Amino acid sequence: MTFAGALLRALALGEALRARLPGDAPVALLLPPSAGAALANLAVILEGRVTVNLNYTAPRSVALDCARRA
């Protein structure tokens, strides 16, 4: 993927997320390490929000606690 392609994908994803994530609270992401996860992080950042990457191998209770604390 080129930089331009990644930027276009992140901008499109950010636009889709904008309506689903009102406000300015941090956004918790629960994704495995991948190109999609990198694009999701970039999309959220380009929307002016802070990302909180959760460990997808952590137990559900730990992930929920981390998301709540963020």
PDB file of N, CA and C in Angstrom:
ATOM      1  N   MET A   1       0.846  -1.160   0.000  1.00  0.00           N
ATOM      2  CA  MET A   1       0.000   0.000   0.000  1.00  0.00           C
ATOM      3  C   MET A   1       0.900   1.234   0.000  1.00  0.00           C
ATOM      4  N   THR A   2       0.566   2.157  -0.840  1.00  0.00           N
ATOM      5  CA  THR A   2       1.329   3.398  -0.896  1.00  0.00           C
ATOM      6  C   THR A   2       0.863   4.343   0.209  1.00  0.00           C
ATOM      7  N   PHE A   3       1.656   5.365   0.455  1.00  0.00           N
ATOM      8  CA  PHE A   3       1.263   6.361   1.451  1.00  0.00           C
ATOM      9  C   PHE A   3      -0.042   7.035   1.044  1.00  0.00           C
ATOM     10  N   ALA A   4      -0.147   7.389  -0.233  1.00  0.00           N
ATOM     11  CA  ALA A   4      -1.367   8.044  -0.710  1.00  0.00           C
ATOM     12  C   ALA A   4      -2.576   7.131  -0.533  1.00  0.00           C
ATOM     13  N   GLY A   5      -2.410   5.861  -0.833  1.00  0.00           N
ATOM     14  CA  GLY A   5      -3.504   4.904  -0.663  1.00  0.00           C
ATOM     15  C   GLY A   5      -3.906   4.762   0.794  1.00  0.00           C
ATOM     16  N   ALA A   6      -2.913   4.709   1.674  1.00  0.00           N
ATOM     17  CA  ALA A   6      -3.199   4.601   3.105  1.00  0.00           C
ATOM     18  C   ALA A   6      -3.912   5.856   3.598  1.00  0.00           C
ATOM     19  N   LEU A   7      -3.473   7.005   3.151  1.00  0.00           N
ATOM     20  CA  LEU A   7      -4.100   8.264   3.570  1.00  0.00           C
ATOM     21  C   LEU A   7      -5.549   8.329   3.106  1.00  0.00           C
ATOM     22  N   LEU A   8      -5.802   7.956   1.849  1.00  0.00           N
ATOM     23  CA  LEU A   8      -7.180   7.975   1.340  1.00  0.00           C
ATOM     24  C   LEU A   8      -8.070   7.008   2.113  1.00  0.00           C
ATOM     25  N   ARG A   9      -7.565   5.826   2.412  1.00  0.00           N
ATOM     26  CA  ARG A   9      -8.342   4.847   3.170  1.00  0.00           C
ATOM     27  C   ARG A   9      -8.620   5.347   4.588  1.00  0.00           C
ATOM     28  N   ALA A  10      -7.613   5.941   5.216  1.00  0.00           N
ATOM     29  CA  ALA A  10      -7.784   6.458   6.577  1.00  0.00           C
ATOM     30  C   ALA A  10      -8.781   7.612   6.603  1.00  0.00           C
ATOM     31  N   LEU A  11      -8.730   8.475   5.611  1.00  0.00           N
ATOM     32  CA  LEU A  11      -9.688   9.586   5.545  1.00  0.00           C
ATOM     33  C   LEU A  11     -11.115   9.069   5.365  1.00  0.00           C
ATOM     34  N   ALA A  12     -11.286   8.069   4.517  1.00  0.00           N
ATOM     35  CA  ALA A  12     -12.615   7.492   4.306  1.00  0.00           C
ATOM     36  C   ALA A  12     -13.123   6.813   5.576  1.00  0.00           C
ATOM     37  N   LEU A  13     -12.245   6.065   6.236  1.00  0.00           N
ATOM     38  CA  LEU A  13     -12.634   5.404   7.480  1.00  0.00           C
ATOM     39  C   LEU A  13     -12.960   6.435   8.556  1.00  0.00           C
ATOM     40  N   GLY A  14     -12.170   7.490   8.646  1.00  0.00           N
ATOM     41  CA  GLY A  14     -12.425   8.547   9.616  1.00  0.00           C
ATOM     42  C   GLY A  14     -13.776   9.195   9.398  1.00  0.00           C
ATOM     43  N   GLU A  15     -14.142   9.409   8.142  1.00  0.00           N
ATOM     44  CA  GLU A  15     -15.450   9.988   7.836  1.00  0.00           C
ATOM     45  C   GLU A  15     -16.571   9.057   8.281  1.00  0.00           C
ATOM     46  N   ALA A  16     -16.389   7.764   8.062  1.00  0.00           N
ATOM     47  CA  ALA A  16     -17.405   6.789   8.485  1.00  0.00           C
ATOM     48  C   ALA A  16     -17.504   6.719  10.007  1.00  0.00           C
ATOM     49  N   LEU A  17     -16.376   6.860  10.689  1.00  0.00           N
ATOM     50  CA  LEU A  17     -16.369   6.786  12.152  1.00  0.00           C
ATOM     51  C   LEU A  17     -16.932   8.050  12.800  1.00  0.00           C
ATOM     52  N   ARG A  18     -16.808   9.170  12.134  1.00  0.00           N
ATOM     53  CA  ARG A  18     -17.211  10.460  12.705  1.00  0.00           C
ATOM     54  C   ARG A  18     -18.651  10.439  13.216  1.00  0.00           C
ATOM     55  N   ALA A  19     -19.555   9.899  12.436  1.00  0.00           N
ATOM     56  CA  ALA A  19     -20.966   9.864  12.828  1.00  0.00           C
ATOM     57  C   ALA A  19     -21.221   8.853  13.944  1.00  0.00           C
ATOM     58  N   ARG A  20     -20.388   7.822  14.011  1.00  0.00           N
ATOM     59  CA  ARG A  20     -20.593   6.759  15.003  1.00  0.00           C
ATOM     60  C   ARG A  20     -19.909   7.046  16.335  1.00  0.00           C
ATOM     61  N   LEU A  21     -19.014   8.021  16.348  1.00  0.00           N
ATOM     62  CA  LEU A  21     -18.242   8.319  17.557  1.00  0.00           C
ATOM     63  C   LEU A  21     -18.340   9.804  17.901  1.00  0.00           C
ATOM     64  N   PRO A  22     -19.519  10.252  18.345  1.00  0.00           N
ATOM     65  CA  PRO A  22     -19.658  11.673  18.679  1.00  0.00           C
ATOM     66  C   PRO A  22     -18.854  12.029  19.927  1.00  0.00           C
ATOM     67  N   GLY A  23     -18.620  13.294  20.100  1.00  0.00           N
ATOM     68  CA  GLY A  23     -17.890  13.764  21.271  1.00  0.00           C
ATOM     69  C   GLY A  23     -16.395  13.797  21.015  1.00  0.00           C
ATOM     70  N   ASP A  24     -15.657  13.901  22.113  1.00  0.00           N
ATOM     71  CA  ASP A  24     -14.198  13.987  21.968  1.00  0.00           C
ATOM     72  C   ASP A  24     -13.461  13.014  22.882  1.00  0.00           C
ATOM     73  N   ALA A  25     -14.150  12.004  23.368  1.00  0.00           N
ATOM     74  CA  ALA A  25     -13.522  11.008  24.243  1.00  0.00           C
ATOM     75  C   ALA A  25     -12.535  10.158  23.442  1.00  0.00           C
ATOM     76  N   PRO A  26     -11.537   9.593  24.121  1.00  0.00           N
ATOM     77  CA  PRO A  26     -10.620   8.683  23.432  1.00  0.00           C
ATOM     78  C   PRO A  26     -11.385   7.509  22.813  1.00  0.00           C
ATOM     79  N   VAL A  27     -10.818   6.936  21.768  1.00  0.00           N
ATOM     80  CA  VAL A  27     -11.437   5.820  21.063  1.00  0.00           C
ATOM     81  C   VAL A  27     -10.608   4.566  21.323  1.00  0.00           C
ATOM     82  N   ALA A  28     -11.235   3.562  21.921  1.00  0.00           N
ATOM     83  CA  ALA A  28     -10.557   2.297  22.184  1.00  0.00           C
ATOM     84  C   ALA A  28     -10.650   1.410  20.946  1.00  0.00           C
ATOM     85  N   LEU A  29      -9.526   0.858  20.538  1.00  0.00           N
ATOM     86  CA  LEU A  29      -9.482  -0.039  19.385  1.00  0.00           C
ATOM     87  C   LEU A  29      -9.039  -1.416  19.852  1.00  0.00           C
ATOM     88  N   LEU A  30      -9.781  -2.418  19.449  1.00  0.00           N
ATOM     89  CA  LEU A  30      -9.466  -3.796  19.797  1.00  0.00           C
ATOM     90  C   LEU A  30      -9.245  -4.546  18.488  1.00  0.00           C
ATOM     91  N   LEU A  31      -8.038  -4.425  17.961  1.00  0.00           N
ATOM     92  CA  LEU A  31      -7.694  -5.017  16.674  1.00  0.00           C
ATOM     93  C   LEU A  31      -6.334  -5.699  16.762  1.00  0.00           C
ATOM     94  N   PRO A  32      -6.155  -6.803  16.039  1.00  0.00           N
ATOM     95  CA  PRO A  32      -4.830  -7.420  16.010  1.00  0.00           C
ATOM     96  C   PRO A  32      -3.874  -6.558  15.181  1.00  0.00           C
ATOM     97  N   PRO A  33      -2.579  -6.698  15.412  1.00  0.00           N
ATOM     98  CA  PRO A  33      -1.614  -5.928  14.616  1.00  0.00           C
ATOM     99  C   PRO A  33      -1.800  -6.246  13.135  1.00  0.00           C
ATOM    100  N   SER A  34      -2.101  -5.225  12.356  1.00  0.00           N
ATOM    101  CA  SER A  34      -2.355  -5.422  10.929  1.00  0.00           C
ATOM    102  C   SER A  34      -2.381  -4.070  10.235  1.00  0.00           C
ATOM    103  N   ALA A  35      -2.453  -4.122   8.912  1.00  0.00           N
ATOM    104  CA  ALA A  35      -2.583  -2.881   8.152  1.00  0.00           C
ATOM    105  C   ALA A  35      -3.897  -2.193   8.499  1.00  0.00           C
ATOM    106  N   GLY A  36      -4.950  -2.977   8.705  1.00  0.00           N
ATOM    107  CA  GLY A  36      -6.238  -2.409   9.070  1.00  0.00           C
ATOM    108  C   GLY A  36      -6.188  -1.678  10.390  1.00  0.00           C
ATOM    109  N   ALA A  37      -5.467  -2.230  11.353  1.00  0.00           N
ATOM    110  CA  ALA A  37      -5.327  -1.581  12.655  1.00  0.00           C
ATOM    111  C   ALA A  37      -4.548  -0.275  12.523  1.00  0.00           C
ATOM    112  N   ALA A  38      -3.511  -0.275  11.703  1.00  0.00           N
ATOM    113  CA  ALA A  38      -2.748   0.953  11.482  1.00  0.00           C
ATOM    114  C   ALA A  38      -3.622   2.014  10.832  1.00  0.00           C
ATOM    115  N   LEU A  39      -4.444   1.613   9.859  1.00  0.00           N
ATOM    116  CA  LEU A  39      -5.347   2.561   9.208  1.00  0.00           C
ATOM    117  C   LEU A  39      -6.396   3.081  10.186  1.00  0.00           C
ATOM    118  N   ALA A  40      -6.898   2.211  11.052  1.00  0.00           N
ATOM    119  CA  ALA A  40      -7.885   2.639  12.043  1.00  0.00           C
ATOM    120  C   ALA A  40      -7.270   3.672  12.989  1.00  0.00           C
ATOM    121  N   ASN A  41      -6.046   3.433  13.440  1.00  0.00           N
ATOM    122  CA  ASN A  41      -5.365   4.397  14.309  1.00  0.00           C
ATOM    123  C   ASN A  41      -5.191   5.734  13.598  1.00  0.00           C
ATOM    124  N   LEU A  42      -4.749   5.688  12.364  1.00  0.00           N
ATOM    125  CA  LEU A  42      -4.545   6.915  11.595  1.00  0.00           C
ATOM    126  C   LEU A  42      -5.870   7.637  11.374  1.00  0.00           C
ATOM    127  N   ALA A  43      -6.930   6.895  11.089  1.00  0.00           N
ATOM    128  CA  ALA A  43      -8.242   7.500  10.868  1.00  0.00           C
ATOM    129  C   ALA A  43      -8.721   8.240  12.106  1.00  0.00           C
ATOM    130  N   VAL A  44      -8.574   7.618  13.254  1.00  0.00           N
ATOM    131  CA  VAL A  44      -9.019   8.244  14.497  1.00  0.00           C
ATOM    132  C   VAL A  44      -8.178   9.492  14.794  1.00  0.00           C
ATOM    133  N   ILE A  45      -6.891   9.392  14.596  1.00  0.00           N
ATOM    134  CA  ILE A  45      -6.000  10.534  14.837  1.00  0.00           C
ATOM    135  C   ILE A  45      -6.327  11.688  13.892  1.00  0.00           C
ATOM    136  N   LEU A  46      -6.593  11.375  12.617  1.00  0.00           N
ATOM    137  CA  LEU A  46      -6.935  12.423  11.660  1.00  0.00           C
ATOM    138  C   LEU A  46      -8.269  13.090  11.992  1.00  0.00           C
ATOM    139  N   GLU A  47      -9.105  12.403  12.754  1.00  0.00           N
ATOM    140  CA  GLU A  47     -10.365  12.992  13.218  1.00  0.00           C
ATOM    141  C   GLU A  47     -10.161  13.829  14.485  1.00  0.00           C
ATOM    142  N   GLY A  48      -8.905  13.944  14.927  1.00  0.00           N
ATOM    143  CA  GLY A  48      -8.596  14.768  16.096  1.00  0.00           C
ATOM    144  C   GLY A  48      -8.862  14.085  17.423  1.00  0.00           C
ATOM    145  N   ARG A  49      -8.918  12.760  17.408  1.00  0.00           N
ATOM    146  CA  ARG A  49      -9.201  11.996  18.618  1.00  0.00           C
ATOM    147  C   ARG A  49      -7.946  11.239  19.041  1.00  0.00           C
ATOM    148  N   VAL A  50      -7.983  10.735  20.256  1.00  0.00           N
ATOM    149  CA  VAL A  50      -6.886   9.948  20.810  1.00  0.00           C
ATOM    150  C   VAL A  50      -7.269   8.474  20.738  1.00  0.00           C
ATOM    151  N   THR A  51      -6.336   7.634  20.318  1.00  0.00           N
ATOM    152  CA  THR A  51      -6.609   6.196  20.274  1.00  0.00           C
ATOM    153  C   THR A  51      -6.048   5.510  21.505  1.00  0.00           C
ATOM    154  N   VAL A  52      -6.747   4.482  21.929  1.00  0.00           N
ATOM    155  CA  VAL A  52      -6.293   3.615  23.009  1.00  0.00           C
ATOM    156  C   VAL A  52      -6.334   2.199  22.442  1.00  0.00           C
ATOM    157  N   ASN A  53      -5.164   1.639  22.202  1.00  0.00           N
ATOM    158  CA  ASN A  53      -5.101   0.299  21.626  1.00  0.00           C
ATOM    159  C   ASN A  53      -5.163  -0.735  22.743  1.00  0.00           C
ATOM    160  N   LEU A  54      -6.173  -1.573  22.661  1.00  0.00           N
ATOM    161  CA  LEU A  54      -6.358  -2.623  23.659  1.00  0.00           C
ATOM    162  C   LEU A  54      -5.702  -3.908  23.178  1.00  0.00           C
ATOM    163  N   ASN A  55      -5.214  -4.688  24.110  1.00  0.00           N
ATOM    164  CA  ASN A  55      -4.586  -5.958  23.786  1.00  0.00           C
ATOM    165  C   ASN A  55      -5.674  -6.981  23.478  1.00  0.00           C
ATOM    166  N   TYR A  56      -5.735  -7.430  22.237  1.00  0.00           N
ATOM    167  CA  TYR A  56      -6.807  -8.339  21.845  1.00  0.00           C
ATOM    168  C   TYR A  56      -6.651  -9.732  22.443  1.00  0.00           C
ATOM    169  N   THR A  57      -5.524 -10.015  23.075  1.00  0.00           N
ATOM    170  CA  THR A  57      -5.338 -11.312  23.741  1.00  0.00           C
ATOM    171  C   THR A  57      -5.670 -11.240  25.232  1.00  0.00           C
ATOM    172  N   ALA A  58      -5.946 -10.037  25.724  1.00  0.00           N
ATOM    173  CA  ALA A  58      -6.268  -9.877  27.151  1.00  0.00           C
ATOM    174  C   ALA A  58      -7.673 -10.418  27.420  1.00  0.00           C
ATOM    175  N   PRO A  59      -7.903 -10.857  28.652  1.00  0.00           N
ATOM    176  CA  PRO A  59      -9.254 -11.285  29.005  1.00  0.00           C
ATOM    177  C   PRO A  59     -10.250 -10.136  28.845  1.00  0.00           C
ATOM    178  N   ARG A  60     -11.494 -10.478  28.598  1.00  0.00           N
ATOM    179  CA  ARG A  60     -12.534  -9.484  28.364  1.00  0.00           C
ATOM    180  C   ARG A  60     -12.612  -8.473  29.506  1.00  0.00           C
ATOM    181  N   SER A  61     -12.535  -8.945  30.736  1.00  0.00           N
ATOM    182  CA  SER A  61     -12.652  -8.036  31.882  1.00  0.00           C
ATOM    183  C   SER A  61     -11.514  -7.009  31.900  1.00  0.00           C
ATOM    184  N   VAL A  62     -10.329  -7.426  31.535  1.00  0.00           N
ATOM    185  CA  VAL A  62      -9.174  -6.514  31.504  1.00  0.00           C
ATOM    186  C   VAL A  62      -9.347  -5.488  30.386  1.00  0.00           C
ATOM    187  N   ALA A  63      -9.768  -5.945  29.204  1.00  0.00           N
ATOM    188  CA  ALA A  63      -9.962  -5.028  28.081  1.00  0.00           C
ATOM    189  C   ALA A  63     -11.039  -3.997  28.407  1.00  0.00           C
ATOM    190  N   LEU A  64     -12.134  -4.436  29.027  1.00  0.00           N
ATOM    191  CA  LEU A  64     -13.200  -3.504  29.395  1.00  0.00           C
ATOM    192  C   LEU A  64     -12.732  -2.499  30.438  1.00  0.00           C
ATOM    193  N   ASP A  65     -11.918  -2.957  31.407  1.00  0.00           N
ATOM    194  CA  ASP A  65     -11.398  -2.046  32.418  1.00  0.00           C
ATOM    195  C   ASP A  65     -10.466  -1.017  31.790  1.00  0.00           C
ATOM    196  N   CYS A  66      -9.617  -1.455  30.872  1.00  0.00           N
ATOM    197  CA  CYS A  66      -8.705  -0.531  30.193  1.00  0.00           C
ATOM    198  C   CYS A  66      -9.493   0.490  29.365  1.00  0.00           C
ATOM    199  N   ALA A  67     -10.522   0.045  28.679  1.00  0.00           N
ATOM    200  CA  ALA A  67     -11.341   0.965  27.890  1.00  0.00           C
ATOM    201  C   ALA A  67     -12.034   1.970  28.798  1.00  0.00           C
ATOM    202  N   ARG A  68     -12.543   1.520  29.929  1.00  0.00           N
ATOM    203  CA  ARG A  68     -13.219   2.419  30.861  1.00  0.00           C
ATOM    204  C   ARG A  68     -12.246   3.460  31.412  1.00  0.00           C
ATOM    205  N   ARG A  69     -11.049   3.032  31.753  1.00  0.00           N
ATOM    206  CA  ARG A  69     -10.052   3.957  32.301  1.00  0.00           C
ATOM    207  C   ARG A  69      -9.600   5.004  31.266  1.00  0.00           C
ATOM    208  N   ALA A  70      -9.600   4.621  30.035  1.00  0.00           N
ATOM    209  CA  ALA A  70      -9.162   5.541  28.960  1.00  0.00           C
ATOM    210  C   ALA A  70     -10.160   6.665  28.822  1.00  0.00           C
TER     211      ALA A  70
END
